[in-house]
C-alpha atoms as a PDB file:
ATOM      1  CA  MET A   1      41.170  -6.571  30.513  1.00  0.00           C
ATOM      2  CA  ASP A   2      39.291  -6.207  27.236  1.00  0.00           C
ATOM      3  CA  PRO A   3      35.556  -5.797  28.093  1.00  0.00           C
ATOM      4  CA  ILE A   4      34.506  -8.206  25.332  1.00  0.00           C
ATOM      5  CA  ILE A   5      36.837 -10.927  26.584  1.00  0.00           C
ATOM      6  CA  TRP A   6      35.743 -10.213  30.166  1.00  0.00           C
ATOM      7  CA  LEU A   7      32.060 -10.597  29.238  1.00  0.00           C
ATOM      8  CA  ILE A   8      32.594 -13.910  27.447  1.00  0.00           C
ATOM      9  CA  ASN A   9      34.712 -15.230  30.313  1.00  0.00           C
ATOM     10  CA  LEU A  10      31.928 -14.205  32.699  1.00  0.00           C
ATOM     11  CA  ILE A  11      29.441 -16.248  30.664  1.00  0.00           C
ATOM     12  CA  LEU A  12      31.795 -19.232  30.699  1.00  0.00           C
ATOM     13  CA  LEU A  13      32.482 -18.874  34.434  1.00  0.00           C
ATOM     14  CA  PRO A  14      29.690 -21.242  35.618  1.00  0.00           C
ATOM     15  CA  PHE A  15      31.240 -23.959  33.460  1.00  0.00           C
ATOM     16  CA  GLY A  16      34.593 -23.533  35.177  1.00  0.00           C
ATOM     17  CA  VAL A  17      36.466 -22.621  31.992  1.00  0.00           C
ATOM     18  CA  SER A  18      37.722 -19.529  30.169  1.00  0.00           C
ATOM     19  CA  LEU A  19      38.531 -18.600  26.574  1.00  0.00           C
ATOM     20  CA  VAL A  20      42.148 -19.561  27.141  1.00  0.00           C
ATOM     21  CA  ASP A  21      41.146 -23.031  28.370  1.00  0.00           C
ATOM     22  CA  VAL A  22      38.709 -23.646  25.527  1.00  0.00           C
ATOM     23  CA  PHE A  23      40.449 -22.248  22.467  1.00  0.00           C
ATOM     24  CA  LYS A  24      44.097 -21.458  23.086  1.00  0.00           C
ATOM     25  CA  PRO A  25      45.374 -24.990  22.505  1.00  0.00           C
ATOM     26  CA  GLU A  26      43.830 -24.881  19.048  1.00  0.00           C
ATOM     27  CA  ILE A  27      44.425 -21.416  17.611  1.00  0.00           C
ATOM     28  CA  GLY A  28      46.263 -19.467  20.281  1.00  0.00           C
ATOM     29  CA  PRO A  29      45.797 -15.688  20.486  1.00  0.00           C
ATOM     30  CA  ASP A  30      44.085 -15.523  17.063  1.00  0.00           C
ATOM     31  CA  PHE A  31      40.735 -16.231  18.687  1.00  0.00           C
ATOM     32  CA  GLU A  32      40.925 -13.149  20.895  1.00  0.00           C
ATOM     33  CA  LYS A  33      41.989 -11.169  17.841  1.00  0.00           C
ATOM     34  CA  MET A  34      38.877 -12.322  15.973  1.00  0.00           C
ATOM     35  CA  ILE A  35      36.610 -11.493  18.903  1.00  0.00           C
ATOM     36  CA  ARG A  36      37.991  -7.964  19.097  1.00  0.00           C
ATOM     37  CA  GLY A  37      37.994  -7.557  15.321  1.00  0.00           C
ATOM     38  CA  ILE A  38      34.381  -8.625  14.865  1.00  0.00           C
ATOM     39  CA  ALA A  39      33.385  -6.497  17.863  1.00  0.00           C
ATOM     40  CA  LYS A  40      34.548  -3.429  15.930  1.00  0.00           C
ATOM     41  CA  GLY A  41      31.591  -3.957  13.624  1.00  0.00           C
ATOM     42  CA  VAL A  42      29.072  -3.798  16.468  1.00  0.00           C
ATOM     43  CA  PRO A  43      28.922   0.041  16.751  1.00  0.00           C
ATOM     44  CA  LEU A  44      28.404   0.357  12.991  1.00  0.00           C
ATOM     45  CA  THR A  45      25.673  -2.296  13.032  1.00  0.00           C
ATOM     46  CA  LEU A  46      23.925  -0.533  15.923  1.00  0.00           C
ATOM     47  CA  MET A  47      24.220   2.885  14.288  1.00  0.00           C
ATOM     48  CA  ILE A  48      22.833   1.721  10.931  1.00  0.00           C
ATOM     49  CA  SER A  49      19.998  -0.206  12.582  1.00  0.00           C
ATOM     50  CA  ALA A  50      19.054   2.672  14.900  1.00  0.00           C
ATOM     51  CA  ILE A  51      19.002   5.235  12.083  1.00  0.00           C
ATOM     52  CA  ALA A  52      16.949   2.928   9.877  1.00  0.00           C
ATOM     53  CA  VAL A  53      14.389   2.224  12.609  1.00  0.00           C
ATOM     54  CA  ILE A  54      14.017   5.837  13.775  1.00  0.00           C
ATOM     55  CA  VAL A  55      13.861   7.470  10.335  1.00  0.00           C
ATOM     56  CA  GLY A  56      11.740   4.592   9.076  1.00  0.00           C
ATOM     57  CA  PHE A  57       9.307   5.178  11.942  1.00  0.00           C
ATOM     58  CA  LEU A  58       8.903   8.839  11.004  1.00  0.00           C
ATOM     59  CA  ILE A  59       8.253   7.942   7.358  1.00  0.00           C
ATOM     60  CA  ALA A  60       5.960   5.097   8.380  1.00  0.00           C
ATOM     61  CA  THR A  61       3.839   7.363  10.584  1.00  0.00           C
ATOM     62  CA  VAL A  62       3.060   9.620   7.621  1.00  0.00           C
ATOM     63  CA  LEU A  63       2.374   6.629   5.384  1.00  0.00           C
ATOM     64  CA  ALA A  64       0.117   5.013   7.986  1.00  0.00           C
ATOM     65  CA  VAL A  65      -1.990   8.157   8.427  1.00  0.00           C
ATOM     66  CA  VAL A  66      -2.364   8.452   4.653  1.00  0.00           C
ATOM     67  CA  LEU A  67      -3.328   4.781   4.365  1.00  0.00           C
ATOM     68  CA  VAL A  68      -5.919   5.094   7.131  1.00  0.00           C
ATOM     69  CA  GLN A  69      -7.447   8.125   5.441  1.00  0.00           C
ATOM     70  CA  SER A  70      -7.371   6.198   2.179  1.00  0.00           C
ATOM     71  CA  ASP A  71      -9.423   3.406   3.762  1.00  0.00           C
ATOM     72  CA  LYS A  72     -11.993   5.930   4.965  1.00  0.00           C
ATOM     73  CA  SER A  73     -12.272   7.708   1.616  1.00  0.00           C
ATOM     74  CA  LYS A  74     -12.538   4.654  -0.637  1.00  0.00           C
ATOM     75  CA  LYS A  75     -16.314   4.862  -0.632  1.00  0.00           C
ATOM     76  CA  LYS A  76     -16.324   8.616  -1.153  1.00  0.00           C
ATOM     77  CA  LYS A  77     -15.871  10.547  -4.355  1.00  0.00           C
ATOM     78  CA  ILE A  78     -12.576  12.427  -4.576  1.00  0.00           C
ATOM     79  CA  LYS A  79     -13.103  16.086  -5.316  1.00  0.00           C
ATOM     80  CA  ARG A  80     -10.731  18.059  -7.525  1.00  0.00           C
ATOM     81  CA  GLY A  81      -9.255  19.775  -4.490  1.00  0.00           C
ATOM     82  CA  ASN A  82      -8.220  16.388  -3.125  1.00  0.00           C
ATOM     83  CA  VAL A  83      -6.263  15.251  -6.178  1.00  0.00           C
ATOM     84  CA  ILE A  84      -2.939  15.837  -4.419  1.00  0.00           C
ATOM     85  CA  PHE A  85      -4.030  13.774  -1.431  1.00  0.00           C
ATOM     86  CA  LEU A  86      -5.245  11.066  -3.818  1.00  0.00           C
ATOM     87  CA  PHE A  87      -1.755  11.001  -5.330  1.00  0.00           C
ATOM     88  CA  PHE A  88      -0.211  10.521  -1.882  1.00  0.00           C
ATOM     89  CA  GLN A  89      -2.693   7.735  -1.176  1.00  0.00           C
ATOM     90  CA  LYS A  90      -1.670   5.889  -4.333  1.00  0.00           C
ATOM     91  CA  PHE A  91       2.012   6.537  -3.650  1.00  0.00           C
ATOM     92  CA  ALA A  92       1.751   5.213  -0.079  1.00  0.00           C
ATOM     93  CA  ASP A  93      -0.091   2.121  -1.262  1.00  0.00           C
ATOM     94  CA  VAL A  94       2.450   1.371  -4.017  1.00  0.00           C
ATOM     95  CA  PHE A  95       5.398   2.114  -1.704  1.00  0.00           C
ATOM     96  CA  VAL A  96       4.219  -0.226   1.049  1.00  0.00           C
ATOM     97  CA  ASN A  97       3.255  -3.032  -1.307  1.00  0.00           C
ATOM     98  CA  PHE A  98       6.505  -2.824  -3.265  1.00  0.00           C
ATOM     99  CA  PHE A  99       8.839  -2.928  -0.276  1.00  0.00           C
ATOM    100  CA  ARG A 100       6.809  -5.627   1.483  1.00  0.00           C
ATOM    101  CA  SER A 101       6.587  -7.825  -1.629  1.00  0.00           C
ATOM    102  CA  THR A 102      10.188  -7.835  -2.839  1.00  0.00           C
ATOM    103  CA  PRO A 103      13.316  -9.337  -1.225  1.00  0.00           C
ATOM    104  CA  LEU A 104      15.385  -7.008   0.925  1.00  0.00           C
ATOM    105  CA  MET A 105      18.575  -8.112  -0.831  1.00  0.00           C
ATOM    106  CA  VAL A 106      17.119  -7.014  -4.171  1.00  0.00           C
ATOM    107  CA  GLN A 107      16.116  -3.687  -2.641  1.00  0.00           C
ATOM    108  CA  ILE A 108      19.629  -3.162  -1.283  1.00  0.00           C
ATOM    109  CA  LEU A 109      21.141  -3.852  -4.700  1.00  0.00           C
ATOM    110  CA  LEU A 110      18.605  -1.602  -6.429  1.00  0.00           C
ATOM    111  CA  VAL A 111      19.338   1.305  -4.088  1.00  0.00           C
ATOM    112  CA  TYR A 112      23.092   0.725  -4.194  1.00  0.00           C
ATOM    113  CA  PHE A 113      23.594   0.434  -7.942  1.00  0.00           C
ATOM    114  CA  GLY A 114      20.824   2.902  -8.755  1.00  0.00           C
ATOM    115  CA  LEU A 115      22.125   5.696  -6.511  1.00  0.00           C
ATOM    116  CA  LEU A 116      25.835   4.896  -6.293  1.00  0.00           C
ATOM    117  CA  ALA A 117      26.966   7.338  -8.998  1.00  0.00           C
ATOM    118  CA  PRO A 118      25.235  10.464  -7.573  1.00  0.00           C
ATOM    119  CA  THR A 119      26.217   9.451  -4.037  1.00  0.00           C
ATOM    120  CA  VAL A 120      29.882   9.205  -5.043  1.00  0.00           C
ATOM    121  CA  VAL A 121      29.660  12.658  -6.642  1.00  0.00           C
ATOM    122  CA  ILE A 122      28.192  14.071  -3.437  1.00  0.00           C
ATOM    123  CA  SER A 123      30.880  12.293  -1.438  1.00  0.00           C
ATOM    124  CA  ASP A 124      33.610  13.904  -3.546  1.00  0.00           C
ATOM    125  CA  MET A 125      31.993  17.329  -3.142  1.00  0.00           C
ATOM    126  CA  ILE A 126      31.675  16.991   0.627  1.00  0.00           C
ATOM    127  CA  ASP A 127      35.053  15.315   1.033  1.00  0.00           C
ATOM    128  CA  ALA A 128      34.158  14.109   4.530  1.00  0.00           C
ATOM    129  CA  SER A 129      35.497  10.903   6.041  1.00  0.00           C
ATOM    130  CA  TRP A 130      32.144  10.095   7.652  1.00  0.00           C
ATOM    131  CA  PHE A 131      30.264  10.206   4.326  1.00  0.00           C
ATOM    132  CA  ASN A 132      30.682   6.630   3.120  1.00  0.00           C
ATOM    133  CA  PRO A 133      28.528   5.818   0.035  1.00  0.00           C
ATOM    134  CA  GLU A 134      28.148   2.145   0.979  1.00  0.00           C
ATOM    135  CA  ILE A 135      27.016   2.940   4.515  1.00  0.00           C
ATOM    136  CA  ILE A 136      24.686   5.724   3.362  1.00  0.00           C
ATOM    137  CA  LEU A 137      23.017   3.598   0.681  1.00  0.00           C
ATOM    138  CA  GLY A 138      22.831   0.503   2.861  1.00  0.00           C
ATOM    139  CA  THR A 139      21.149   2.512   5.606  1.00  0.00           C
ATOM    140  CA  LEU A 140      18.759   4.051   3.063  1.00  0.00           C
ATOM    141  CA  ALA A 141      17.722   0.626   1.763  1.00  0.00           C
ATOM    142  CA  LEU A 142      17.050  -0.640   5.284  1.00  0.00           C
ATOM    143  CA  THR A 143      15.143   2.550   6.124  1.00  0.00           C
ATOM    144  CA  LEU A 144      12.817   2.270   3.127  1.00  0.00           C
ATOM    145  CA  ASN A 145      12.197  -1.399   3.810  1.00  0.00           C
ATOM    146  CA  THR A 146      11.378  -0.989   7.495  1.00  0.00           C
ATOM    147  CA  ALA A 147       9.254   2.100   6.766  1.00  0.00           C
ATOM    148  CA  ALA A 148       6.930  -0.069   4.687  1.00  0.00           C
ATOM    149  CA  TYR A 149       6.593  -2.695   7.417  1.00  0.00           C
ATOM    150  CA  GLN A 150       6.241  -0.151  10.212  1.00  0.00           C
ATOM    151  CA  ALA A 151       3.561   1.672   8.217  1.00  0.00           C
ATOM    152  CA  GLU A 152       1.347  -1.412   8.315  1.00  0.00           C
ATOM    153  CA  ILE A 153       2.089  -1.888  12.014  1.00  0.00           C
ATOM    154  CA  ILE A 154       1.164   1.714  12.848  1.00  0.00           C
ATOM    155  CA  ARG A 155      -1.886   1.523  10.604  1.00  0.00           C
ATOM    156  CA  SER A 156      -3.129  -1.542  12.491  1.00  0.00           C
ATOM    157  CA  GLY A 157      -2.521   0.301  15.767  1.00  0.00           C
ATOM    158  CA  ILE A 158      -4.557   3.286  14.625  1.00  0.00           C
ATOM    159  CA  LEU A 159      -7.415   1.067  13.518  1.00  0.00           C
ATOM    160  CA  ALA A 160      -7.321  -0.717  16.901  1.00  0.00           C
ATOM    161  CA  ILE A 161      -8.326   2.481  18.718  1.00  0.00           C
ATOM    162  CA  PRO A 162     -12.120   2.501  19.241  1.00  0.00           C
ATOM    163  CA  THR A 163     -13.925   4.912  16.933  1.00  0.00           C
ATOM    164  CA  GLY A 164     -15.697   6.333  19.975  1.00  0.00           C
ATOM    165  CA  GLN A 165     -12.524   8.120  20.964  1.00  0.00           C
ATOM    166  CA  THR A 166     -12.362   9.857  17.599  1.00  0.00           C
ATOM    167  CA  GLU A 167     -15.990  10.876  17.879  1.00  0.00           C
ATOM    168  CA  ALA A 168     -15.474  12.168  21.416  1.00  0.00           C
ATOM    169  CA  ALA A 169     -12.437  14.201  20.360  1.00  0.00           C
ATOM    170  CA  ARG A 170     -14.313  15.729  17.441  1.00  0.00           C
ATOM    171  CA  ALA A 171     -17.247  16.495  19.741  1.00  0.00           C
ATOM    172  CA  LEU A 172     -14.861  18.422  21.998  1.00  0.00           C
ATOM    173  CA  GLY A 173     -13.928  20.627  19.068  1.00  0.00           C
ATOM    174  CA  LEU A 174     -10.642  19.040  17.974  1.00  0.00           C
ATOM    175  CA  THR A 175      -9.923  19.060  14.270  1.00  0.00           C
ATOM    176  CA  GLN A 176      -9.175  15.872  12.375  1.00  0.00           C
ATOM    177  CA  LYS A 177      -5.425  16.557  12.509  1.00  0.00           C
ATOM    178  CA  GLN A 178      -5.526  17.397  16.211  1.00  0.00           C
ATOM    179  CA  THR A 179      -7.504  14.242  16.923  1.00  0.00           C
ATOM    180  CA  MET A 180      -4.968  12.109  15.099  1.00  0.00           C
ATOM    181  CA  ARG A 181      -1.964  13.848  16.668  1.00  0.00           C
ATOM    182  CA  GLU A 182      -3.205  14.292  20.234  1.00  0.00           C
ATOM    183  CA  VAL A 183      -5.550  11.346  20.785  1.00  0.00           C
ATOM    184  CA  ILE A 184      -5.112   8.490  18.315  1.00  0.00           C
ATOM    185  CA  LEU A 185      -1.378   8.297  17.579  1.00  0.00           C
ATOM    186  CA  PRO A 186      -0.165   8.431  21.223  1.00  0.00           C
ATOM    187  CA  GLN A 187      -2.384   5.471  22.085  1.00  0.00           C
ATOM    188  CA  ALA A 188      -1.598   3.594  18.877  1.00  0.00           C
ATOM    189  CA  VAL A 189       2.145   3.813  19.523  1.00  0.00           C
ATOM    190  CA  ARG A 190       1.713   2.366  23.012  1.00  0.00           C
ATOM    191  CA  ILE A 191      -0.177  -0.711  21.818  1.00  0.00           C
ATOM    192  CA  ILE A 192       2.139  -1.455  18.882  1.00  0.00           C
ATOM    193  CA  ILE A 193       5.322  -1.649  20.968  1.00  0.00           C
ATOM    194  CA  PRO A 194       5.502  -5.482  20.627  1.00  0.00           C
ATOM    195  CA  PRO A 195       5.363  -5.583  16.799  1.00  0.00           C
ATOM    196  CA  LEU A 196       7.618  -2.519  16.581  1.00  0.00           C
ATOM    197  CA  THR A 197      10.127  -4.337  18.779  1.00  0.00           C
ATOM    198  CA  ASN A 198      10.010  -7.334  16.471  1.00  0.00           C
ATOM    199  CA  GLU A 199      10.548  -5.079  13.485  1.00  0.00           C
ATOM    200  CA  ALA A 200      13.502  -3.350  15.161  1.00  0.00           C
ATOM    201  CA  ILE A 201      15.084  -6.744  15.811  1.00  0.00           C
ATOM    202  CA  ASN A 202      14.414  -7.742  12.194  1.00  0.00           C
ATOM    203  CA  VAL A 203      16.192  -4.603  11.017  1.00  0.00           C
ATOM    204  CA  LEU A 204      19.148  -5.413  13.250  1.00  0.00           C
ATOM    205  CA  LEU A 205      19.385  -8.954  11.890  1.00  0.00           C
ATOM    206  CA  ASN A 206      18.694  -7.917   8.290  1.00  0.00           C
ATOM    207  CA  SER A 207      21.497  -5.356   8.492  1.00  0.00           C
ATOM    208  CA  SER A 208      23.797  -8.323   7.883  1.00  0.00           C
ATOM    209  CA  LEU A 209      22.624  -8.252   4.253  1.00  0.00           C
ATOM    210  CA  ILE A 210      24.352  -4.939   3.568  1.00  0.00           C
ATOM    211  CA  SER A 211      27.623  -6.844   3.840  1.00  0.00           C
ATOM    212  CA  ALA A 212      26.871  -7.607   0.171  1.00  0.00           C
ATOM    213  CA  ILE A 213      27.748  -3.995  -0.682  1.00  0.00           C
ATOM    214  CA  SER A 214      30.977  -4.005   1.346  1.00  0.00           C
ATOM    215  CA  VAL A 215      29.760  -2.404   4.563  1.00  0.00           C
ATOM    216  CA  MET A 216      32.202  -3.469   7.286  1.00  0.00           C
ATOM    217  CA  GLU A 217      29.661  -4.493   9.899  1.00  0.00           C
ATOM    218  CA  ILE A 218      29.610  -7.675  11.974  1.00  0.00           C
ATOM    219  CA  THR A 219      28.896 -10.149   9.180  1.00  0.00           C
ATOM    220  CA  LEU A 220      31.444  -8.877   6.684  1.00  0.00           C
ATOM    221  CA  ARG A 221      34.157  -8.805   9.340  1.00  0.00           C
ATOM    222  CA  SER A 222      33.280 -12.418  10.147  1.00  0.00           C
ATOM    223  CA  LYS A 223      33.588 -13.353   6.481  1.00  0.00           C
ATOM    224  CA  HIS A 224      37.038 -11.804   6.324  1.00  0.00           C
ATOM    225  CA  TYR A 225      38.272 -13.721   9.361  1.00  0.00           C
ATOM    226  CA  GLN A 226      36.733 -16.937   8.044  1.00  0.00           C
ATOM    227  CA  SER A 227      38.515 -16.528   4.711  1.00  0.00           C
ATOM    228  CA  GLU A 228      41.805 -16.001   6.575  1.00  0.00           C
ATOM    229  CA  THR A 229      41.524 -18.848   9.088  1.00  0.00           C
ATOM    230  CA  PHE A 230      39.063 -21.240   7.380  1.00  0.00           C
ATOM    231  CA  ARG A 231      37.354 -21.686  10.739  1.00  0.00           C
ATOM    232  CA  TRP A 232      33.600 -22.162  10.226  1.00  0.00           C
ATOM    233  CA  TRP A 233      32.797 -21.301  13.831  1.00  0.00           C
ATOM    234  CA  VAL A 234      33.923 -17.713  13.277  1.00  0.00           C
ATOM    235  CA  PHE A 235      30.290 -17.076  12.403  1.00  0.00           C
ATOM    236  CA  LEU A 236      29.324 -18.291  15.879  1.00  0.00           C
ATOM    237  CA  ILE A 237      31.093 -15.214  17.224  1.00  0.00           C
ATOM    238  CA  ALA A 238      28.982 -13.032  14.942  1.00  0.00           C
ATOM    239  CA  ALA A 239      25.861 -14.936  16.018  1.00  0.00           C
ATOM    240  CA  PHE A 240      26.811 -14.320  19.656  1.00  0.00           C
ATOM    241  CA  TYR A 241      26.969 -10.552  19.136  1.00  0.00           C
ATOM    242  CA  TYR A 242      23.648 -10.489  17.266  1.00  0.00           C
ATOM    243  CA  PHE A 243      22.042 -12.629  19.963  1.00  0.00           C
ATOM    244  CA  VAL A 244      23.237 -10.437  22.834  1.00  0.00           C
ATOM    245  CA  ILE A 245      22.018  -7.239  21.146  1.00  0.00           C
ATOM    246  CA  ALA A 246      18.644  -8.658  20.052  1.00  0.00           C
ATOM    247  CA  PHE A 247      17.992 -10.407  23.379  1.00  0.00           C
ATOM    248  CA  THR A 248      18.842  -7.274  25.356  1.00  0.00           C
ATOM    249  CA  LEU A 249      16.598  -5.147  23.134  1.00  0.00           C
ATOM    250  CA  SER A 250      13.683  -7.554  23.509  1.00  0.00           C
ATOM    251  CA  LYS A 251      13.998  -7.587  27.303  1.00  0.00           C
ATOM    252  CA  LEU A 252      14.215  -3.796  27.575  1.00  0.00           C
ATOM    253  CA  THR A 253      11.222  -3.201  25.339  1.00  0.00           C
ATOM    254  CA  LYS A 254       9.242  -5.867  27.175  1.00  0.00           C
ATOM    255  CA  ARG A 255       9.585  -3.840  30.358  1.00  0.00           C
ATOM    256  CA  LEU A 256       8.561  -0.704  28.454  1.00  0.00           C
ATOM    257  CA  GLU A 257       5.620  -2.561  26.948  1.00  0.00           C
ATOM    258  CA  VAL A 258       4.322  -3.609  30.366  1.00  0.00           C
ATOM    259  CA  LYS A 259       4.845  -0.138  31.824  1.00  0.00           C
ATOM    260  CA  LEU A 260       2.995   1.685  29.039  1.00  0.00           C
ATOM    261  CA  HIS A 261       0.194  -0.773  28.408  1.00  0.00           C
ATOM    262  CA  ILE A 262      -3.310   0.686  28.084  1.00  0.00           C
ATOM    263  CA  PRO A 263      -6.017  -0.944  30.232  1.00  0.00           C
ATOM    264  CA  GLY A 264      -8.273  -2.881  27.880  1.00  0.00           C
ATOM    265  CA  LEU A 265      -5.912  -2.407  24.960  1.00  0.00           C
ATOM    266  CA  GLY A 266      -2.544  -3.319  26.477  1.00  0.00           C
ATOM    267  CA  VAL A 267      -0.506  -6.467  26.662  1.00  0.00           C
ATOM    268  CA  GLN A 268      -1.759  -7.595  30.049  1.00  0.00           C
ATOM    269  CA  SER A 269      -5.168  -8.769  31.118  1.00  0.00           C
ATOM    270  CA  ASP A 270      -6.702  -6.257  33.490  1.00  0.00           C
END
């Protein structure tokens, strides 16, 4: 039996019904066809969301460190040797504020129409079936957006670490970079798991917006079936898939959050 159909029937089991009992009198086998068809968009949605969150996290970590250093150096004079770092500070500030203060849909359209031509040229040069301009640009837009939000999350996590730990690390002979890499960031990541989880779920749900640039993920597949059958509840199927993924992710990360909590700084009262 199809695993998707089996899972839904399992959920309906306590109610004493199955998909056949509920829907077959109305639309026959088309309902199962829609369930399977929309399910084909799930792997693409997961892949795009995962890439955006992971790459966005790496970008956000760099941005957060720069922003924290920017906060510390605001009251200090910038020497000529620090002009390059000053540029990165301004860039990080503008980047974060821009992507956090403009709609994601606008960002997707900006990235898509702004970079479509060179991306198509690259696609023709590579001539690879996996290099889809719409998917690449949609993922890029989501990555840039989540990087800005994750940067503020990581920055808040860094600032939540007591300054005494930084002073103790420096007293032990660690450099500023070593202190940040070996002492501050590992602890900051552990205490920002809850907001990072929320952001990952937001990316998953916001990935539905890239259907506007013809990416065949869950939402766009739902739109196609709705236009064919004129059944409004087709979108309930899409909502079901999003709910299952987001709910599962939240439960898994909750267990991780409890396991990795830091006494005094974690999510539980000690």
